[in-house]
Amino acid sequence: MKHYTYAPKGVCSVAIDYDLDDEKKIHNLKFTGGCNGNLKAIGRLLEGEDAQKAADILRGNDCKGRGTSCADQLSKALDEALA
């Protein structure tokens, strides 16, 4: 399993930490900062899920007209890790 840390831009969270196993499944997803309850829920919902599928679902999600969100930033983090 490989650990990743991503520094999101334009959102309230300041870090996204997660692991990807050999099959590119998400584990131990944690956001630092941001909407605590919602981001914990995202981590629970995505535990063991396919990283590419999760990125595709979350990509483009907007928060308060910022043009991005913590979920969208997670999609960028996953895209970067999968590239």
Protein backbone atom coordinates (compact mmCIF):
# COMPACT_ATOMS: atom_id res chain seq x y z
CA MET A 1 0.00 0.00 0.00
CA LYS A 2 1.29 3.45 -0.88
CA HIS A 3 0.53 6.61 1.13
CA TYR A 4 -0.25 9.95 -0.52
CA THR A 5 -0.60 13.49 0.83
CA TYR A 6 -2.13 16.20 -1.35
CA ALA A 7 -2.27 19.95 -0.65
CA PRO A 8 -5.66 21.13 -1.93
CA LYS A 9 -6.09 24.60 -3.43
CA GLY A 10 -9.01 27.01 -3.10
CA VAL A 11 -10.83 25.09 -0.34
CA CYS A 12 -11.02 25.04 3.46
CA SER A 13 -9.16 21.75 3.91
CA VAL A 14 -5.38 22.05 4.00
CA ALA A 15 -4.38 18.41 3.40
CA ILE A 16 -5.79 15.19 2.00
CA ASP A 17 -4.13 11.96 3.14
CA TYR A 18 -4.97 8.51 1.79
CA ASP A 19 -3.52 5.16 0.81
CA LEU A 20 -3.92 3.24 -2.44
CA ASP A 21 -3.44 -0.51 -2.48
CA ASP A 22 -2.04 -2.50 -5.41
CA GLU A 23 -5.52 -2.68 -6.97
CA LYS A 24 -5.88 1.16 -6.74
CA LYS A 25 -8.51 0.98 -4.00
CA ILE A 26 -8.77 3.87 -1.51
CA HIS A 27 -7.99 3.34 2.18
CA ASN A 28 -7.55 5.56 5.25
CA LEU A 29 -8.84 8.73 3.57
CA LYS A 30 -8.58 11.74 5.88
CA PHE A 31 -8.99 15.47 5.30
CA THR A 32 -7.32 18.06 7.53
CA GLY A 33 -9.57 21.09 7.94
CA GLY A 34 -12.78 21.70 6.05
CA CYS A 35 -16.29 20.54 6.98
CA ASN A 36 -15.38 17.84 9.47
CA GLY A 37 -18.55 15.73 9.43
CA ASN A 38 -19.01 15.80 5.67
CA LEU A 39 -15.39 14.98 4.96
CA LYS A 40 -15.37 12.11 7.46
CA ALA A 41 -18.44 10.76 5.65
CA ILE A 42 -16.63 10.93 2.31
CA GLY A 43 -13.76 8.95 3.83
CA ARG A 44 -16.15 6.26 5.10
CA LEU A 45 -18.07 6.08 1.82
CA LEU A 46 -14.91 5.70 -0.25
CA GLU A 47 -13.11 3.13 1.95
CA GLY A 48 -12.14 0.24 -0.33
CA GLU A 49 -13.58 1.89 -3.45
CA ASP A 50 -11.86 2.13 -6.83
CA ALA A 51 -9.85 5.35 -7.04
CA GLN A 52 -10.62 6.06 -10.71
CA LYS A 53 -14.36 5.58 -10.19
CA ALA A 54 -14.30 7.89 -7.15
CA ALA A 55 -12.36 10.57 -9.05
CA ASP A 56 -14.82 10.40 -11.94
CA ILE A 57 -17.80 10.83 -9.60
CA LEU A 58 -16.31 13.70 -7.55
CA ARG A 59 -14.68 15.68 -10.38
CA GLY A 60 -16.30 19.10 -10.91
CA ASN A 61 -18.18 19.25 -7.59
CA ASP A 62 -18.44 22.92 -6.57
CA CYS A 63 -18.60 24.53 -3.11
CA LYS A 64 -19.97 28.05 -2.72
CA GLY A 65 -19.16 29.08 -6.30
CA ARG A 66 -15.43 28.54 -5.84
CA GLY A 67 -15.16 26.40 -8.95
CA THR A 68 -13.87 23.55 -6.78
CA SER A 69 -14.57 21.78 -3.50
CA CYS A 70 -12.82 19.40 -1.15
CA ALA A 71 -14.39 16.52 -3.12
CA ASP A 72 -13.19 18.02 -6.42
CA GLN A 73 -9.72 18.47 -4.93
CA LEU A 74 -9.77 14.80 -3.93
CA SER A 75 -10.49 13.92 -7.57
CA LYS A 76 -7.41 15.93 -8.57
CA ALA A 77 -5.33 14.18 -5.92
CA LEU A 78 -6.48 10.77 -7.15
CA ASP A 79 -5.90 11.69 -10.80
CA GLU A 80 -2.36 12.75 -9.92
CA ALA A 81 -1.67 9.52 -8.02
CA LEU A 82 -3.09 7.37 -10.82
CA ALA A 83 -1.14 9.12 -13.60
